[in-house]
Amino acid sequence: MIEVVKNDFVKSYRLQQSLEALERVRGEISEKAYERLKALLHYRLYGKEFDRSRIKEKIALAFSMGSDSTATLLILRWAGFDVVPVMVKLPQMEDVVLLRAQSYGAVFVEVPKYMEVINSQIQKRAPICGKCHSMIMEAVKNYARKNGIKIVASGDLLSFGSISIYKEEDLIKLNFPAFLALDKREAIKILDRKYTLGFGCSLWKSATKTAPILKRFGIQRVLRELRAGAIDKEIAKALIKDILKS
């Protein structure tokens, strides 16, 4: 399911930081969840096998059907966690995406006044992805609180090491691909299916026609992921080409 990092110094260093971050939240999660997450890190670092039987630890996952959140779902379930994929229903989502999400057992939630907030961003020629992400995560956290779930996971590739798992108010935030030092190519490989690279959703692509400056923000985001090692040059080139043709 996941590969051992072997002699990759950077990923090994980040995983050691994830171990330290995990220790800091040990008292905030169940001991079984702590032990299983630690075992995952040791598997990634050293190839050490571990018990993957089911444990009664629910994790609410911000689920978009993209490569990162889907890989997160598959790995966590493989590791024995009870994962609830929480998908925020957005206007730009096609029915086929919602149907595929249902096949993974997704639950659906809403974001009040979503388009009102996004349209305001577009009118100001301001980035919309960050605002969209924050609203989605807030909806997922609210779902977790209402259902007594302590751990909220995301498919974030960037928040590696010391900030890959941390306490956020009454919840534990787990940026899972970053926690395991996974990169985009590894995430796609885990899906074991054809995956078409592209940047942004249909709403973002539509917004660039009104506010072309959004393309610049998009390219900056791709370059940030490239610098962090979350994507390689080939993927970055494909994403930037997709941005420019929007």
C-alpha atoms as a PDB file:
ATOM      1  CA  MET A   1       0.000   0.000   0.000  1.00  0.00           C
ATOM      2  CA  ILE A   2       2.764   2.443   0.937  1.00  0.00           C
ATOM      3  CA  GLU A   3       6.468   2.181   0.189  1.00  0.00           C
ATOM      4  CA  VAL A   4       9.406   2.358   2.584  1.00  0.00           C
ATOM      5  CA  VAL A   5      11.429   5.560   2.129  1.00  0.00           C
ATOM      6  CA  LYS A   6      14.746   3.628   2.297  1.00  0.00           C
ATOM      7  CA  ASN A   7      17.641   6.053   1.701  1.00  0.00           C
ATOM      8  CA  ASP A   8      15.585   9.184   1.057  1.00  0.00           C
ATOM      9  CA  PHE A   9      17.171  11.547   3.589  1.00  0.00           C
ATOM     10  CA  VAL A  10      14.586  14.340   3.291  1.00  0.00           C
ATOM     11  CA  LYS A  11      11.566  12.061   3.693  1.00  0.00           C
ATOM     12  CA  SER A  12      13.227  10.181   6.564  1.00  0.00           C
ATOM     13  CA  TYR A  13      13.894  13.485   8.334  1.00  0.00           C
ATOM     14  CA  ARG A  14      10.289  14.590   7.865  1.00  0.00           C
ATOM     15  CA  LEU A  15       9.018  11.268   9.199  1.00  0.00           C
ATOM     16  CA  GLN A  16      11.172  11.651  12.298  1.00  0.00           C
ATOM     17  CA  GLN A  17       9.565  15.058  12.794  1.00  0.00           C
ATOM     18  CA  SER A  18       6.143  13.451  12.405  1.00  0.00           C
ATOM     19  CA  LEU A  19       7.053  11.002  15.180  1.00  0.00           C
ATOM     20  CA  GLU A  20       7.900  13.945  17.433  1.00  0.00           C
ATOM     21  CA  ALA A  21       4.648  15.700  16.523  1.00  0.00           C
ATOM     22  CA  LEU A  22       2.701  12.516  17.271  1.00  0.00           C
ATOM     23  CA  GLU A  23       4.249  12.351  20.735  1.00  0.00           C
ATOM     24  CA  ARG A  24       2.980  15.859  21.464  1.00  0.00           C
ATOM     25  CA  VAL A  25      -0.651  14.830  20.898  1.00  0.00           C
ATOM     26  CA  ARG A  26      -0.409  11.385  22.492  1.00  0.00           C
ATOM     27  CA  GLY A  27      -2.510  12.402  25.481  1.00  0.00           C
ATOM     28  CA  GLU A  28      -5.223  13.849  23.226  1.00  0.00           C
ATOM     29  CA  ILE A  29      -6.092  10.663  21.299  1.00  0.00           C
ATOM     30  CA  SER A  30      -6.751   7.067  22.292  1.00  0.00           C
ATOM     31  CA  GLU A  31      -3.721   4.908  22.967  1.00  0.00           C
ATOM     32  CA  LYS A  32      -4.773   2.542  20.177  1.00  0.00           C
ATOM     33  CA  ALA A  33      -4.885   5.406  17.680  1.00  0.00           C
ATOM     34  CA  TYR A  34      -1.499   6.624  18.868  1.00  0.00           C
ATOM     35  CA  GLU A  35       0.076   3.162  18.567  1.00  0.00           C
ATOM     36  CA  ARG A  36      -1.386   2.577  15.101  1.00  0.00           C
ATOM     37  CA  LEU A  37      -0.229   5.952  13.752  1.00  0.00           C
ATOM     38  CA  LYS A  38       3.213   5.317  15.218  1.00  0.00           C
ATOM     39  CA  ALA A  39       3.266   1.872  13.591  1.00  0.00           C
ATOM     40  CA  LEU A  40       2.424   3.478  10.246  1.00  0.00           C
ATOM     41  CA  LEU A  41       5.393   5.813  10.571  1.00  0.00           C
ATOM     42  CA  HIS A  42       7.703   2.930  11.505  1.00  0.00           C
ATOM     43  CA  TYR A  43       6.446   0.966   8.509  1.00  0.00           C
ATOM     44  CA  ARG A  44       7.161   3.918   6.244  1.00  0.00           C
ATOM     45  CA  LEU A  45      10.599   4.434   7.775  1.00  0.00           C
ATOM     46  CA  TYR A  46      11.822   0.878   8.285  1.00  0.00           C
ATOM     47  CA  GLY A  47       9.362  -1.479   6.592  1.00  0.00           C
ATOM     48  CA  LYS A  48       8.337  -2.871   9.972  1.00  0.00           C
ATOM     49  CA  GLU A  49       5.072  -4.820   9.634  1.00  0.00           C
ATOM     50  CA  PHE A  50       2.243  -4.103  12.058  1.00  0.00           C
ATOM     51  CA  ASP A  51      -1.195  -5.300  13.127  1.00  0.00           C
ATOM     52  CA  ARG A  52      -3.776  -3.874  10.726  1.00  0.00           C
ATOM     53  CA  SER A  53      -6.899  -5.262  12.371  1.00  0.00           C
ATOM     54  CA  ARG A  54      -9.783  -2.824  12.745  1.00  0.00           C
ATOM     55  CA  ILE A  55      -9.697  -0.447  15.686  1.00  0.00           C
ATOM     56  CA  LYS A  56     -12.599   1.563  17.042  1.00  0.00           C
ATOM     57  CA  GLU A  57     -11.137   4.941  16.218  1.00  0.00           C
ATOM     58  CA  LYS A  58     -13.153   7.094  13.873  1.00  0.00           C
ATOM     59  CA  ILE A  59     -11.411   9.658  11.717  1.00  0.00           C
ATOM     60  CA  ALA A  60     -13.346  12.319   9.815  1.00  0.00           C
ATOM     61  CA  LEU A  61     -11.636  12.881   6.472  1.00  0.00           C
ATOM     62  CA  ALA A  62     -12.160  15.941   4.292  1.00  0.00           C
ATOM     63  CA  PHE A  63     -12.917  14.055   1.086  1.00  0.00           C
ATOM     64  CA  SER A  64     -12.898  15.508  -2.418  1.00  0.00           C
ATOM     65  CA  MET A  65     -12.323  12.394  -4.573  1.00  0.00           C
ATOM     66  CA  GLY A  66      -8.966  13.885  -5.590  1.00  0.00           C
ATOM     67  CA  SER A  67      -5.767  11.842  -5.508  1.00  0.00           C
ATOM     68  CA  ASP A  68      -4.566  13.092  -2.116  1.00  0.00           C
ATOM     69  CA  SER A  69      -7.760  12.602  -0.105  1.00  0.00           C
ATOM     70  CA  THR A  70      -8.533   9.290  -1.829  1.00  0.00           C
ATOM     71  CA  ALA A  71      -5.043   7.949  -1.114  1.00  0.00           C
ATOM     72  CA  THR A  72      -5.486   9.096   2.492  1.00  0.00           C
ATOM     73  CA  LEU A  73      -8.761   7.196   2.754  1.00  0.00           C
ATOM     74  CA  LEU A  74      -7.284   4.007   1.302  1.00  0.00           C
ATOM     75  CA  ILE A  75      -4.184   4.041   3.511  1.00  0.00           C
ATOM     76  CA  LEU A  76      -6.062   4.779   6.729  1.00  0.00           C
ATOM     77  CA  ARG A  77      -8.579   2.001   6.051  1.00  0.00           C
ATOM     78  CA  TRP A  78      -5.735  -0.354   5.138  1.00  0.00           C
ATOM     79  CA  ALA A  79      -4.172   0.504   8.495  1.00  0.00           C
ATOM     80  CA  GLY A  80      -7.371  -0.418  10.324  1.00  0.00           C
ATOM     81  CA  PHE A  81      -8.954   2.951  11.064  1.00  0.00           C
ATOM     82  CA  ASP A  82     -12.695   3.580  10.810  1.00  0.00           C
ATOM     83  CA  VAL A  83     -12.650   6.481   8.346  1.00  0.00           C
ATOM     84  CA  VAL A  84     -15.674   8.623   7.557  1.00  0.00           C
ATOM     85  CA  PRO A  85     -15.152  10.430   4.225  1.00  0.00           C
ATOM     86  CA  VAL A  86     -16.924  13.771   4.624  1.00  0.00           C
ATOM     87  CA  MET A  87     -17.629  15.460   1.306  1.00  0.00           C
ATOM     88  CA  VAL A  88     -18.819  19.048   1.196  1.00  0.00           C
ATOM     89  CA  LYS A  89     -21.364  19.379  -1.604  1.00  0.00           C
ATOM     90  CA  LEU A  90     -20.258  22.300  -3.753  1.00  0.00           C
ATOM     91  CA  PRO A  91     -22.110  23.794  -6.734  1.00  0.00           C
ATOM     92  CA  GLN A  92     -19.292  22.931  -9.140  1.00  0.00           C
ATOM     93  CA  MET A  93     -19.341  19.207  -8.357  1.00  0.00           C
ATOM     94  CA  GLU A  94     -20.678  16.934 -11.081  1.00  0.00           C
ATOM     95  CA  ASP A  95     -23.162  14.177 -10.278  1.00  0.00           C
ATOM     96  CA  VAL A  96     -20.668  11.504 -11.309  1.00  0.00           C
ATOM     97  CA  VAL A  97     -18.258  12.715  -8.614  1.00  0.00           C
ATOM     98  CA  LEU A  98     -20.969  12.550  -5.960  1.00  0.00           C
ATOM     99  CA  LEU A  99     -21.946   9.044  -7.059  1.00  0.00           C
ATOM    100  CA  ARG A 100     -18.347   7.838  -6.953  1.00  0.00           C
ATOM    101  CA  ALA A 101     -17.942   9.382  -3.507  1.00  0.00           C
ATOM    102  CA  GLN A 102     -20.976   7.415  -2.327  1.00  0.00           C
ATOM    103  CA  SER A 103     -19.227   4.203  -3.385  1.00  0.00           C
ATOM    104  CA  TYR A 104     -16.516   5.054  -0.823  1.00  0.00           C
ATOM    105  CA  GLY A 105     -19.148   5.541   1.871  1.00  0.00           C
ATOM    106  CA  ALA A 106     -19.029   9.327   1.857  1.00  0.00           C
ATOM    107  CA  VAL A 107     -21.383  11.450   3.906  1.00  0.00           C
ATOM    108  CA  PHE A 108     -22.358  14.859   2.544  1.00  0.00           C
ATOM    109  CA  VAL A 109     -22.483  18.221   4.292  1.00  0.00           C
ATOM    110  CA  GLU A 110     -23.222  21.765   3.161  1.00  0.00           C
ATOM    111  CA  VAL A 111     -21.424  25.099   3.491  1.00  0.00           C
ATOM    112  CA  PRO A 112     -23.889  27.950   4.105  1.00  0.00           C
ATOM    113  CA  LYS A 113     -23.456  30.962   1.792  1.00  0.00           C
ATOM    114  CA  TYR A 114     -20.615  29.279  -0.068  1.00  0.00           C
ATOM    115  CA  MET A 115     -21.173  31.010  -3.411  1.00  0.00           C
ATOM    116  CA  GLU A 116     -21.768  34.367  -1.732  1.00  0.00           C
ATOM    117  CA  VAL A 117     -18.301  34.193  -0.148  1.00  0.00           C
ATOM    118  CA  ILE A 118     -16.580  32.873  -3.289  1.00  0.00           C
ATOM    119  CA  ASN A 119     -18.191  35.476  -5.554  1.00  0.00           C
ATOM    120  CA  SER A 120     -17.013  38.181  -3.172  1.00  0.00           C
ATOM    121  CA  GLN A 121     -13.445  36.860  -3.504  1.00  0.00           C
ATOM    122  CA  ILE A 122     -13.697  36.802  -7.299  1.00  0.00           C
ATOM    123  CA  GLN A 123     -14.999  40.371  -7.420  1.00  0.00           C
ATOM    124  CA  LYS A 124     -12.017  41.474  -5.320  1.00  0.00           C
ATOM    125  CA  ARG A 125      -9.665  39.576  -7.678  1.00  0.00           C
ATOM    126  CA  ALA A 126      -8.531  37.642  -4.601  1.00  0.00           C
ATOM    127  CA  PRO A 127      -7.490  33.965  -4.384  1.00  0.00           C
ATOM    128  CA  ILE A 128     -10.435  31.622  -3.922  1.00  0.00           C
ATOM    129  CA  CYS A 129      -8.759  28.251  -3.246  1.00  0.00           C
ATOM    130  CA  GLY A 130      -7.608  29.133   0.266  1.00  0.00           C
ATOM    131  CA  LYS A 131     -11.014  30.532   1.207  1.00  0.00           C
ATOM    132  CA  CYS A 132     -12.764  27.492  -0.257  1.00  0.00           C
ATOM    133  CA  HIS A 133     -10.443  25.131   1.636  1.00  0.00           C
ATOM    134  CA  SER A 134     -10.987  26.890   4.970  1.00  0.00           C
ATOM    135  CA  MET A 135     -14.777  26.722   4.592  1.00  0.00           C
ATOM    136  CA  ILE A 136     -14.615  23.040   3.676  1.00  0.00           C
ATOM    137  CA  MET A 137     -12.410  22.203   6.647  1.00  0.00           C
ATOM    138  CA  GLU A 138     -14.697  24.115   9.002  1.00  0.00           C
ATOM    139  CA  ALA A 139     -17.672  22.096   7.752  1.00  0.00           C
ATOM    140  CA  VAL A 140     -15.772  18.834   8.244  1.00  0.00           C
ATOM    141  CA  LYS A 141     -14.705  19.859  11.757  1.00  0.00           C
ATOM    142  CA  ASN A 142     -18.303  20.714  12.617  1.00  0.00           C
ATOM    143  CA  TYR A 143     -19.359  17.261  11.422  1.00  0.00           C
ATOM    144  CA  ALA A 144     -16.661  15.668  13.586  1.00  0.00           C
ATOM    145  CA  ARG A 145     -17.757  17.586  16.673  1.00  0.00           C
ATOM    146  CA  LYS A 146     -21.425  16.697  16.182  1.00  0.00           C
ATOM    147  CA  ASN A 147     -20.527  13.027  15.855  1.00  0.00           C
ATOM    148  CA  GLY A 148     -17.991  12.763  18.652  1.00  0.00           C
ATOM    149  CA  ILE A 149     -14.990  12.274  16.357  1.00  0.00           C
ATOM    150  CA  LYS A 150     -11.675  13.492  17.747  1.00  0.00           C
ATOM    151  CA  ILE A 151      -9.365  13.244  14.711  1.00  0.00           C
ATOM    152  CA  VAL A 152      -9.942  15.260  11.536  1.00  0.00           C
ATOM    153  CA  ALA A 153      -7.752  14.330   8.566  1.00  0.00           C
ATOM    154  CA  SER A 154      -6.998  16.068   5.304  1.00  0.00           C
ATOM    155  CA  GLY A 155      -5.089  15.214   2.130  1.00  0.00           C
ATOM    156  CA  ASP A 156      -2.608  18.048   2.686  1.00  0.00           C
ATOM    157  CA  LEU A 157       0.806  17.257   1.184  1.00  0.00           C
ATOM    158  CA  LEU A 158       2.619  20.352   2.403  1.00  0.00           C
ATOM    159  CA  SER A 159       2.318  20.596   6.199  1.00  0.00           C
ATOM    160  CA  PHE A 160       5.069  18.062   6.773  1.00  0.00           C
ATOM    161  CA  GLY A 161       6.859  17.007   9.924  1.00  0.00           C
ATOM    162  CA  SER A 162       6.288  19.049  13.041  1.00  0.00           C
ATOM    163  CA  ILE A 163       2.965  20.481  11.833  1.00  0.00           C
ATOM    164  CA  SER A 164       1.564  17.355  10.192  1.00  0.00           C
ATOM    165  CA  ILE A 165      -0.434  16.473  13.323  1.00  0.00           C
ATOM    166  CA  TYR A 166      -1.404  18.934  16.036  1.00  0.00           C
ATOM    167  CA  LYS A 167      -4.169  19.991  18.405  1.00  0.00           C
ATOM    168  CA  GLU A 168      -6.597  22.559  17.034  1.00  0.00           C
ATOM    169  CA  GLU A 169      -9.010  23.690  19.746  1.00  0.00           C
ATOM    170  CA  ASP A 170     -10.864  20.508  20.787  1.00  0.00           C
ATOM    171  CA  LEU A 171      -9.770  18.408  17.793  1.00  0.00           C
ATOM    172  CA  ILE A 172      -6.623  16.764  16.464  1.00  0.00           C
ATOM    173  CA  LYS A 173      -5.784  17.840  12.929  1.00  0.00           C
ATOM    174  CA  LEU A 174      -3.960  15.222  10.864  1.00  0.00           C
ATOM    175  CA  ASN A 175      -2.518  16.303   7.506  1.00  0.00           C
ATOM    176  CA  PHE A 176      -2.063  12.708   6.502  1.00  0.00           C
ATOM    177  CA  PRO A 177       0.029  12.610   3.283  1.00  0.00           C
ATOM    178  CA  ALA A 178       2.355  15.155   4.891  1.00  0.00           C
ATOM    179  CA  PHE A 179       2.422  13.011   8.052  1.00  0.00           C
ATOM    180  CA  LEU A 180       3.754  10.095   5.970  1.00  0.00           C
ATOM    181  CA  ALA A 181       5.917  12.316   3.741  1.00  0.00           C
ATOM    182  CA  LEU A 182       3.999  11.135   0.680  1.00  0.00           C
ATOM    183  CA  ASP A 183       4.344  13.034  -2.574  1.00  0.00           C
ATOM    184  CA  LYS A 184       1.780  13.451  -5.352  1.00  0.00           C
ATOM    185  CA  ARG A 185       3.242  10.697  -7.538  1.00  0.00           C
ATOM    186  CA  GLU A 186       3.052   8.210  -4.667  1.00  0.00           C
ATOM    187  CA  ALA A 187      -0.539   9.225  -3.960  1.00  0.00           C
ATOM    188  CA  ILE A 188      -1.510   8.648  -7.594  1.00  0.00           C
ATOM    189  CA  LYS A 189       0.211   5.254  -7.590  1.00  0.00           C
ATOM    190  CA  ILE A 190      -1.836   4.167  -4.571  1.00  0.00           C
ATOM    191  CA  LEU A 191      -5.054   4.830  -6.504  1.00  0.00           C
ATOM    192  CA  ASP A 192      -4.016   2.113  -8.992  1.00  0.00           C
ATOM    193  CA  ARG A 193      -6.029   3.669 -11.808  1.00  0.00           C
ATOM    194  CA  LYS A 194      -5.578   6.166 -14.593  1.00  0.00           C
ATOM    195  CA  TYR A 195      -5.405   9.682 -13.226  1.00  0.00           C
ATOM    196  CA  THR A 196      -5.537  12.841 -15.320  1.00  0.00           C
ATOM    197  CA  LEU A 197      -3.509  15.737 -13.979  1.00  0.00           C
ATOM    198  CA  GLY A 198      -5.275  19.079 -13.907  1.00  0.00           C
ATOM    199  CA  PHE A 199      -5.316  22.234 -11.816  1.00  0.00           C
ATOM    200  CA  GLY A 200      -8.413  23.605 -10.190  1.00  0.00           C
ATOM    201  CA  CYS A 201     -12.101  22.817 -10.319  1.00  0.00           C
ATOM    202  CA  SER A 202     -14.596  24.064 -12.882  1.00  0.00           C
ATOM    203  CA  LEU A 203     -15.499  26.986 -10.625  1.00  0.00           C
ATOM    204  CA  TRP A 204     -11.854  28.099 -10.461  1.00  0.00           C
ATOM    205  CA  LYS A 205     -11.486  27.795 -14.227  1.00  0.00           C
ATOM    206  CA  SER A 206     -14.617  29.885 -14.706  1.00  0.00           C
ATOM    207  CA  ALA A 207     -13.385  32.463 -12.198  1.00  0.00           C
ATOM    208  CA  THR A 208     -10.121  32.958 -14.131  1.00  0.00           C
ATOM    209  CA  LYS A 209     -12.147  34.379 -17.014  1.00  0.00           C
ATOM    210  CA  THR A 210     -13.398  37.141 -14.730  1.00  0.00           C
ATOM    211  CA  ALA A 211     -10.180  37.489 -12.760  1.00  0.00           C
ATOM    212  CA  PRO A 212      -7.169  36.317 -14.839  1.00  0.00           C
ATOM    213  CA  ILE A 213      -4.860  37.147 -11.934  1.00  0.00           C
ATOM    214  CA  LEU A 214      -6.075  33.927 -10.318  1.00  0.00           C
ATOM    215  CA  LYS A 215      -3.838  32.092 -12.788  1.00  0.00           C
ATOM    216  CA  ARG A 216      -0.817  33.783 -11.239  1.00  0.00           C
ATOM    217  CA  PHE A 217      -1.905  32.643  -7.782  1.00  0.00           C
ATOM    218  CA  GLY A 218      -2.401  29.137  -9.173  1.00  0.00           C
ATOM    219  CA  ILE A 219       1.105  29.032 -10.635  1.00  0.00           C
ATOM    220  CA  GLN A 220       2.541  30.275  -7.339  1.00  0.00           C
ATOM    221  CA  ARG A 221       0.765  27.441  -5.561  1.00  0.00           C
ATOM    222  CA  VAL A 222       2.208  24.870  -7.990  1.00  0.00           C
ATOM    223  CA  LEU A 223       5.713  26.271  -7.513  1.00  0.00           C
ATOM    224  CA  ARG A 224       5.285  26.153  -3.739  1.00  0.00           C
ATOM    225  CA  GLU A 225       4.410  22.456  -3.974  1.00  0.00           C
ATOM    226  CA  LEU A 226       7.401  21.897  -6.257  1.00  0.00           C
ATOM    227  CA  ARG A 227       9.798  23.612  -3.844  1.00  0.00           C
ATOM    228  CA  ALA A 228       8.427  21.520  -0.978  1.00  0.00           C
ATOM    229  CA  GLY A 229       8.966  18.289  -2.899  1.00  0.00           C
ATOM    230  CA  ALA A 230       5.262  17.443  -2.922  1.00  0.00           C
ATOM    231  CA  ILE A 231       5.337  17.290  -6.724  1.00  0.00           C
ATOM    232  CA  ASP A 232       8.131  16.805  -9.239  1.00  0.00           C
ATOM    233  CA  LYS A 233       9.079  18.945 -12.248  1.00  0.00           C
ATOM    234  CA  GLU A 234       7.058  16.850 -14.695  1.00  0.00           C
ATOM    235  CA  ILE A 235       3.863  17.194 -12.668  1.00  0.00           C
ATOM    236  CA  ALA A 236       4.512  20.912 -12.088  1.00  0.00           C
ATOM    237  CA  LYS A 237       4.925  21.476 -15.826  1.00  0.00           C
ATOM    238  CA  ALA A 238       1.657  19.655 -16.588  1.00  0.00           C
ATOM    239  CA  LEU A 239      -0.239  21.667 -13.960  1.00  0.00           C
ATOM    240  CA  ILE A 240       1.144  25.013 -15.122  1.00  0.00           C
ATOM    241  CA  LYS A 241       0.240  24.200 -18.733  1.00  0.00           C
ATOM    242  CA  ASP A 242      -3.294  23.381 -17.578  1.00  0.00           C
ATOM    243  CA  ILE A 243      -3.495  26.705 -15.734  1.00  0.00           C
ATOM    244  CA  LEU A 244      -2.347  28.708 -18.747  1.00  0.00           C
ATOM    245  CA  LYS A 245      -4.837  27.127 -21.114  1.00  0.00           C
ATOM    246  CA  SER A 246      -7.797  27.798 -18.791  1.00  0.00           C
END
